[in-house]
Amino acid sequence: MKVLFNADDYGLTKGVTDGIITAHTKGVISSTTLMMNGLAVDYAIDQARKHPELKVGIHLVLTWGKSLRSGLKQITDTQGTFRYKNTYREMEVPDLLEVEAEWRAQLEAFQNTGLSLHHIDSHHHVHGWEPLRELVLSLAKEYEVPVRYAASLKQHSSYLLTEMLWLEFYEDGITSNLFDQLKNENAASIEVMTHPAFVDDALRHESSYTLKREEELEVLCSLHVPEWVELL
């Protein structure tokens, strides 16, 4: 079985960024996804350049922080903050032209870093929202990178990063017995979504998921990889 350990929220804060780098240099993380509107995005870019073996994708954002594109009317408020939250599925369908303009701005900002784009995923899995499916597939095709698995995309397997996405390594699901659980899955390739971090004041202010990130970090740096697993 091929397993990819990906760390979300790269660049959200300095503590998150340092936690991900530590989980990469001392643990099993080989891939991360950069938030181009993160509070520590410049620091994260600098750290990625110092660790070129760390694969970096983009964490497209529609549900946190401020937009990169100005002049948006429907998906942001007058201050440029996204109107959409993690409850987006209960909200009205966004203006697709505005979403495309914003996500292209985020992708272009990523391209301008000089980093190689590994894949596309998103904050709060918004790329898996059905109204955005065609846009996501179009961007993946244009940028020639795979997309994180989502149920809405499963019929487009040629676009997917892995056959399956493991979401259980979170909250009470954080465990050192992870590989025993993965072994029972009928998939040739699995992405394990993770959120390692050192908790800092900025993270406490921005996220309700805090101390568990340090628990994730500890486990990710102590996992024993069995012989039947090929780390991607």
Protein backbone atom coordinates (compact mmCIF):
# COMPACT_ATOMS: atom_id res chain seq x y z
CA MET A 1 0.00 0.00 0.00
CA LYS A 2 1.19 3.48 -0.88
CA VAL A 3 0.64 6.07 1.85
CA LEU A 4 1.07 9.82 1.63
CA PHE A 5 1.24 11.79 4.86
CA ASN A 6 0.17 15.34 4.06
CA ALA A 7 0.14 18.22 6.54
CA ASP A 8 -2.56 20.85 6.07
CA ASP A 9 -2.47 24.56 6.91
CA TYR A 10 1.18 25.23 6.03
CA GLY A 11 1.77 28.95 6.50
CA LEU A 12 -1.29 29.50 8.70
CA THR A 13 0.96 30.55 11.61
CA LYS A 14 4.66 30.25 12.42
CA GLY A 15 3.93 27.53 14.97
CA VAL A 16 1.99 25.50 12.44
CA THR A 17 4.77 25.92 9.91
CA ASP A 18 7.49 24.88 12.37
CA GLY A 19 5.44 21.88 13.44
CA ILE A 20 5.05 20.71 9.86
CA ILE A 21 8.76 21.13 9.14
CA THR A 22 9.57 19.13 12.29
CA ALA A 23 7.11 16.39 11.29
CA HIS A 24 8.89 16.29 7.94
CA THR A 25 12.49 16.27 9.15
CA LYS A 26 11.88 13.96 12.13
CA GLY A 27 8.76 12.09 11.08
CA VAL A 28 6.72 10.73 8.19
CA ILE A 29 5.37 13.93 6.60
CA SER A 30 6.51 14.19 2.99
CA SER A 31 3.91 16.60 1.67
CA THR A 32 2.20 19.77 2.84
CA THR A 33 -0.22 22.34 1.44
CA LEU A 34 0.41 26.06 1.56
CA MET A 35 -2.23 28.66 2.44
CA MET A 36 -1.36 31.66 0.29
CA ASN A 37 -3.28 33.98 2.62
CA GLY A 38 -1.79 32.49 5.79
CA LEU A 39 -0.39 34.66 8.56
CA ALA A 40 3.07 33.16 8.10
CA VAL A 41 3.05 32.52 4.36
CA ASP A 42 6.38 34.26 3.67
CA TYR A 43 8.07 32.33 6.47
CA ALA A 44 6.58 29.09 5.19
CA ILE A 45 7.87 29.77 1.67
CA ASP A 46 11.35 30.41 3.05
CA GLN A 47 11.28 27.17 5.04
CA ALA A 48 10.08 25.22 2.01
CA ARG A 49 13.03 26.51 0.02
CA LYS A 50 15.34 25.26 2.78
CA HIS A 51 13.72 21.81 2.62
CA PRO A 52 13.37 21.08 -1.11
CA GLU A 53 12.56 17.42 -0.47
CA LEU A 54 9.26 18.49 1.11
CA LYS A 55 6.56 18.38 -1.55
CA VAL A 56 4.31 21.46 -1.45
CA GLY A 57 0.80 21.72 -2.80
CA ILE A 58 -1.70 24.55 -2.48
CA HIS A 59 -4.42 24.73 0.17
CA LEU A 60 -7.03 26.71 -1.73
CA VAL A 61 -8.97 28.97 0.61
CA LEU A 62 -12.55 30.21 0.49
CA THR A 63 -13.53 29.85 4.15
CA TRP A 64 -10.89 31.66 6.22
CA GLY A 65 -9.10 34.98 6.27
CA LYS A 66 -8.82 37.55 3.52
CA SER A 67 -8.87 37.18 -0.23
CA LEU A 68 -5.85 37.87 -2.41
CA ARG A 69 -8.00 39.30 -5.19
CA SER A 70 -9.50 42.76 -4.67
CA GLY A 71 -12.86 43.93 -5.96
CA LEU A 72 -14.81 40.80 -5.05
CA LYS A 73 -18.42 41.48 -4.10
CA GLN A 74 -20.19 38.21 -3.31
CA ILE A 75 -17.64 35.90 -1.68
CA THR A 76 -16.05 38.55 0.60
CA ASP A 77 -17.29 41.36 2.81
CA THR A 78 -16.26 45.00 2.39
CA GLN A 79 -13.03 44.32 4.29
CA GLY A 80 -12.00 41.56 1.90
CA THR A 81 -12.70 38.78 4.40
CA PHE A 82 -14.31 35.63 3.03
CA ARG A 83 -18.01 35.36 3.84
CA TYR A 84 -17.90 31.59 3.67
CA LYS A 85 -17.06 29.50 6.74
CA ASN A 86 -16.77 25.79 7.47
CA THR A 87 -20.57 25.69 7.31
CA TYR A 88 -20.47 26.59 3.61
CA ARG A 89 -22.69 23.66 2.60
CA GLU A 90 -25.55 25.40 4.39
CA MET A 91 -24.88 28.66 2.54
CA GLU A 92 -25.82 29.87 -0.92
CA VAL A 93 -23.74 28.69 -3.86
CA PRO A 94 -20.91 31.18 -4.40
CA ASP A 95 -20.37 33.28 -7.50
CA LEU A 96 -18.27 30.86 -9.54
CA LEU A 97 -16.55 33.60 -11.51
CA GLU A 98 -15.41 35.23 -8.27
CA VAL A 99 -14.22 31.91 -6.85
CA GLU A 100 -12.27 31.26 -10.04
CA ALA A 101 -10.72 34.73 -9.96
CA GLU A 102 -9.67 34.29 -6.33
CA TRP A 103 -8.33 30.78 -6.72
CA ARG A 104 -6.38 31.80 -9.80
CA ALA A 105 -4.87 34.63 -7.75
CA GLN A 106 -3.86 32.11 -5.09
CA LEU A 107 -2.40 29.73 -7.67
CA GLU A 108 -0.51 32.55 -9.39
CA ALA A 109 0.88 33.66 -6.03
CA PHE A 110 2.06 30.11 -5.47
CA GLN A 111 3.67 29.97 -8.90
CA ASN A 112 5.49 33.21 -8.15
CA THR A 113 7.25 31.56 -5.19
CA GLY A 114 9.22 29.37 -7.57
CA LEU A 115 8.15 26.26 -5.66
CA SER A 116 7.01 23.25 -7.63
CA LEU A 117 3.26 22.70 -7.25
CA HIS A 118 2.64 19.14 -6.06
CA HIS A 119 -1.16 19.00 -5.83
CA ILE A 120 -4.35 20.91 -5.09
CA ASP A 121 -6.50 20.60 -1.99
CA SER A 122 -8.41 23.09 0.13
CA HIS A 123 -9.24 24.46 3.55
CA HIS A 124 -12.29 22.74 5.04
CA HIS A 125 -12.42 20.50 1.92
CA VAL A 126 -14.27 23.21 0.03
CA HIS A 127 -12.83 21.91 -3.25
CA GLY A 128 -15.13 18.92 -2.75
CA TRP A 129 -18.27 21.08 -2.71
CA GLU A 130 -20.32 19.88 -5.68
CA PRO A 131 -20.94 23.35 -7.20
CA LEU A 132 -17.16 23.83 -7.49
CA ARG A 133 -16.37 20.46 -9.07
CA GLU A 134 -15.95 21.61 -12.68
CA LEU A 135 -13.80 24.55 -11.62
CA VAL A 136 -11.54 22.29 -9.54
CA LEU A 137 -11.12 19.82 -12.39
CA SER A 138 -10.42 22.62 -14.84
CA LEU A 139 -7.69 24.09 -12.62
CA ALA A 140 -6.13 20.68 -12.03
CA LYS A 141 -5.99 20.07 -15.77
CA GLU A 142 -4.57 23.51 -16.49
CA TYR A 143 -1.88 23.31 -13.80
CA GLU A 144 -1.23 19.63 -14.52
CA VAL A 145 -1.40 18.49 -10.90
CA PRO A 146 -3.63 15.99 -9.09
CA VAL A 147 -6.35 16.89 -6.60
CA ARG A 148 -7.04 15.55 -3.13
CA TYR A 149 -9.70 12.86 -3.10
CA ALA A 150 -13.26 14.04 -2.43
CA ALA A 151 -16.49 12.11 -2.83
CA SER A 152 -17.68 14.57 -5.46
CA LEU A 153 -14.57 13.83 -7.54
CA LYS A 154 -14.40 10.04 -7.21
CA GLN A 155 -15.73 9.51 -10.73
CA HIS A 156 -12.70 11.41 -12.04
CA SER A 157 -10.03 9.06 -10.75
CA SER A 158 -7.38 10.19 -13.24
CA TYR A 159 -7.36 13.58 -11.51
CA LEU A 160 -6.98 12.26 -7.97
CA LEU A 161 -3.87 12.34 -5.82
CA THR A 162 -4.72 9.01 -4.16
CA GLU A 163 -7.55 6.47 -4.25
CA MET A 164 -8.64 7.31 -0.73
CA LEU A 165 -8.39 10.07 1.86
CA TRP A 166 -7.97 9.09 5.52
CA LEU A 167 -9.62 11.69 7.75
CA GLU A 168 -9.56 9.80 11.04
CA PHE A 169 -6.13 10.99 12.23
CA TYR A 170 -7.79 13.88 14.03
CA GLU A 171 -9.09 14.59 17.54
CA ASP A 172 -9.76 11.23 19.24
CA GLY A 173 -8.53 9.38 16.14
CA ILE A 174 -4.89 10.33 16.70
CA THR A 175 -3.15 7.00 17.31
CA SER A 176 0.18 5.27 16.93
CA ASN A 177 -1.75 2.23 15.66
CA LEU A 178 -2.56 4.06 12.45
CA PHE A 179 -1.00 1.51 10.11
CA ASP A 180 -3.05 -1.29 11.67
CA GLN A 181 -6.15 0.66 10.69
CA LEU A 182 -4.93 1.48 7.19
CA LYS A 183 -4.11 -2.16 6.51
CA ASN A 184 -7.82 -2.98 6.55
CA GLU A 185 -8.65 -0.54 3.77
CA ASN A 186 -9.14 -1.75 0.23
CA ALA A 187 -7.08 0.91 -1.53
CA ALA A 188 -3.76 0.88 -3.33
CA SER A 189 -2.99 4.46 -2.28
CA ILE A 190 -4.16 6.50 0.69
CA GLU A 191 -3.53 10.09 1.74
CA VAL A 192 -3.49 10.62 5.49
CA MET A 193 -4.58 14.16 6.32
CA THR A 194 -2.72 15.60 9.31
CA HIS A 195 -2.40 18.90 11.19
CA PRO A 196 0.85 18.92 13.19
CA ALA A 197 1.89 22.16 14.87
CA PHE A 198 3.54 23.89 17.77
CA VAL A 199 0.70 25.84 19.31
CA ASP A 200 1.31 29.60 19.31
CA ASP A 201 -0.87 32.55 20.23
CA ALA A 202 -1.79 33.17 16.61
CA LEU A 203 -3.10 29.62 16.24
CA ARG A 204 -5.12 29.92 19.46
CA HIS A 205 -6.74 33.02 18.00
CA GLU A 206 -7.46 31.53 14.58
CA SER A 207 -8.41 27.93 15.24
CA SER A 208 -10.35 25.82 17.72
CA TYR A 209 -8.08 22.86 16.92
CA THR A 210 -4.94 23.53 18.95
CA LEU A 211 -3.39 21.20 21.52
CA LYS A 212 -4.35 18.11 19.54
CA ARG A 213 -2.01 19.38 16.82
CA GLU A 214 0.93 18.93 19.18
CA GLU A 215 -0.30 15.41 19.93
CA GLU A 216 -0.37 14.74 16.18
CA LEU A 217 3.18 16.04 15.89
CA GLU A 218 4.42 13.70 18.59
CA VAL A 219 2.84 10.65 16.98
CA LEU A 220 3.98 11.55 13.46
CA CYS A 221 7.56 11.74 14.71
CA SER A 222 7.41 8.33 16.37
CA LEU A 223 5.57 6.12 13.87
CA HIS A 224 7.22 2.88 12.77
CA VAL A 225 6.57 2.30 9.08
CA PRO A 226 5.88 -1.40 8.34
CA GLU A 227 7.45 -3.16 5.38
CA TRP A 228 4.17 -3.42 3.48
CA VAL A 229 3.87 0.38 3.30
CA GLU A 230 5.50 2.50 0.63
CA LEU A 231 5.61 6.13 1.68
CA LEU A 232 4.84 8.54 -1.12
